[in-house]
C-alpha atoms as a PDB file:
ATOM      1  CA  MET A   1      71.329 -23.220  27.468  1.00  0.00           C
ATOM      2  CA  ALA A   2      68.928 -24.459  30.222  1.00  0.00           C
ATOM      3  CA  ALA A   3      67.112 -27.895  30.298  1.00  0.00           C
ATOM      4  CA  LEU A   4      63.840 -28.730  32.081  1.00  0.00           C
ATOM      5  CA  ASN A   5      61.934 -32.012  32.964  1.00  0.00           C
ATOM      6  CA  VAL A   6      58.498 -31.921  33.236  1.00  0.00           C
ATOM      7  CA  ARG A   7      56.913 -34.910  35.329  1.00  0.00           C
ATOM      8  CA  ASN A   8      53.312 -36.268  35.823  1.00  0.00           C
ATOM      9  CA  LEU A   9      52.117 -34.618  32.740  1.00  0.00           C
ATOM     10  CA  SER A  10      48.511 -36.259  32.206  1.00  0.00           C
ATOM     11  CA  ASP A  11      48.252 -38.137  28.916  1.00  0.00           C
ATOM     12  CA  GLU A  12      45.271 -35.907  27.670  1.00  0.00           C
ATOM     13  CA  THR A  13      47.613 -32.435  27.991  1.00  0.00           C
ATOM     14  CA  HIS A  14      50.622 -34.779  26.197  1.00  0.00           C
ATOM     15  CA  LYS A  15      48.356 -35.638  23.415  1.00  0.00           C
ATOM     16  CA  ALA A  16      47.036 -32.065  22.994  1.00  0.00           C
ATOM     17  CA  LEU A  17      50.690 -31.045  22.906  1.00  0.00           C
ATOM     18  CA  ARG A  18      51.660 -33.764  20.018  1.00  0.00           C
ATOM     19  CA  MET A  19      48.312 -32.540  17.894  1.00  0.00           C
ATOM     20  CA  ARG A  20      49.311 -28.988  18.289  1.00  0.00           C
ATOM     21  CA  ALA A  21      52.936 -29.706  17.193  1.00  0.00           C
ATOM     22  CA  ALA A  22      52.007 -31.583  14.431  1.00  0.00           C
ATOM     23  CA  ALA A  23      49.413 -28.972  13.197  1.00  0.00           C
ATOM     24  CA  HIS A  24      52.374 -26.180  13.634  1.00  0.00           C
ATOM     25  CA  GLY A  25      54.773 -28.649  11.910  1.00  0.00           C
ATOM     26  CA  ARG A  26      57.176 -28.743  14.929  1.00  0.00           C
ATOM     27  CA  SER A  27      58.241 -31.643  17.604  1.00  0.00           C
ATOM     28  CA  VAL A  28      56.531 -31.740  20.826  1.00  0.00           C
ATOM     29  CA  GLU A  29      59.805 -30.268  22.472  1.00  0.00           C
ATOM     30  CA  ALA A  30      59.912 -27.412  20.121  1.00  0.00           C
ATOM     31  CA  GLU A  31      56.295 -26.636  20.586  1.00  0.00           C
ATOM     32  CA  ILE A  32      56.787 -26.681  24.436  1.00  0.00           C
ATOM     33  CA  ARG A  33      59.559 -24.278  23.841  1.00  0.00           C
ATOM     34  CA  VAL A  34      57.250 -21.798  21.813  1.00  0.00           C
ATOM     35  CA  ILE A  35      54.299 -22.153  24.128  1.00  0.00           C
ATOM     36  CA  LEU A  36      56.710 -21.325  27.064  1.00  0.00           C
ATOM     37  CA  ASP A  37      58.524 -18.252  25.227  1.00  0.00           C
ATOM     38  CA  ASP A  38      55.087 -16.785  24.306  1.00  0.00           C
ATOM     39  CA  ALA A  39      53.837 -17.091  27.937  1.00  0.00           C
ATOM     40  CA  VAL A  40      57.100 -15.212  29.503  1.00  0.00           C
ATOM     41  CA  ASN A  41      57.521 -12.926  26.764  1.00  0.00           C
ATOM     42  CA  PRO A  42      54.263 -10.950  25.998  1.00  0.00           C
ATOM     43  CA  ALA A  43      56.251  -8.314  24.133  1.00  0.00           C
ATOM     44  CA  LYS A  44      56.589 -10.918  21.379  1.00  0.00           C
ATOM     45  CA  GLN A  45      52.920 -11.420  20.980  1.00  0.00           C
ATOM     46  CA  ARG A  46      51.249 -10.231  17.655  1.00  0.00           C
ATOM     47  CA  GLY A  47      48.950  -7.172  18.307  1.00  0.00           C
ATOM     48  CA  LEU A  48      45.182  -7.449  17.385  1.00  0.00           C
ATOM     49  CA  GLY A  49      45.439  -5.964  13.774  1.00  0.00           C
ATOM     50  CA  SER A  50      48.148  -8.582  13.017  1.00  0.00           C
ATOM     51  CA  MET A  51      45.838 -11.214  14.198  1.00  0.00           C
ATOM     52  CA  LEU A  52      42.940  -9.982  12.349  1.00  0.00           C
ATOM     53  CA  ALA A  53      45.023  -9.640   9.134  1.00  0.00           C
ATOM     54  CA  ALA A  54      45.890 -13.132   9.662  1.00  0.00           C
ATOM     55  CA  ILE A  55      42.380 -14.350  10.227  1.00  0.00           C
ATOM     56  CA  GLY A  56      41.700 -12.723   6.658  1.00  0.00           C
ATOM     57  CA  ARG A  57      44.378 -14.170   4.704  1.00  0.00           C
ATOM     58  CA  ASP A  58      43.360 -17.790   6.135  1.00  0.00           C
ATOM     59  CA  PHE A  59      39.746 -17.225   4.614  1.00  0.00           C
ATOM     60  CA  GLY A  60      41.499 -16.102   1.225  1.00  0.00           C
ATOM     61  CA  GLY A  61      41.687 -12.548   1.858  1.00  0.00           C
ATOM     62  CA  VAL A  62      38.850  -9.682   1.773  1.00  0.00           C
ATOM     63  CA  GLU A  63      38.410  -7.210  -0.857  1.00  0.00           C
ATOM     64  CA  LEU A  64      36.775  -3.860  -0.133  1.00  0.00           C
ATOM     65  CA  ASP A  65      35.042  -1.768  -2.354  1.00  0.00           C
ATOM     66  CA  VAL A  66      36.549   1.585  -0.629  1.00  0.00           C
ATOM     67  CA  VAL A  67      37.797   4.873  -2.032  1.00  0.00           C
ATOM     68  CA  ARG A  68      40.150   6.715   0.166  1.00  0.00           C
ATOM     69  CA  ASP A  69      39.388  10.364   0.764  1.00  0.00           C
ATOM     70  CA  ARG A  70      42.132  12.412  -0.017  1.00  0.00           C
ATOM     71  CA  THR A  71      41.060  15.940   0.435  1.00  0.00           C
ATOM     72  CA  GLU A  72      43.122  17.912   2.729  1.00  0.00           C
ATOM     73  CA  PRO A  73      41.945  18.013   6.553  1.00  0.00           C
ATOM     74  CA  GLU A  74      40.677  21.259   7.833  1.00  0.00           C
ATOM     75  CA  PRO A  75      42.564  22.455  10.909  1.00  0.00           C
ATOM     76  CA  ALA A  76      40.594  22.185  14.159  1.00  0.00           C
ATOM     77  CA  THR A  77      39.589  25.375  15.612  1.00  0.00           C
ATOM     78  CA  PHE A  78      39.006  26.037  19.615  1.00  0.00           C
ATOM     79  CA  GLU A  79      37.021  29.047  19.968  1.00  0.00           C
END
């Protein structure tokens, strides 16, 4: 596995990384690995629907009073 050293990182950036890592329950090194992995592997990123569902869960979920229409659809006609 490769190793990487980052020099001359600003104090503000290092502090922000420490805070972000703590919020996610990770070490700074693990947080940086996640950030770099997400940056170069966009296919691993969640889609919009997954992100919206996560936001809904963060707010305790959403209950909708909607009944699904189960009638059979009519085939399209192109005349």
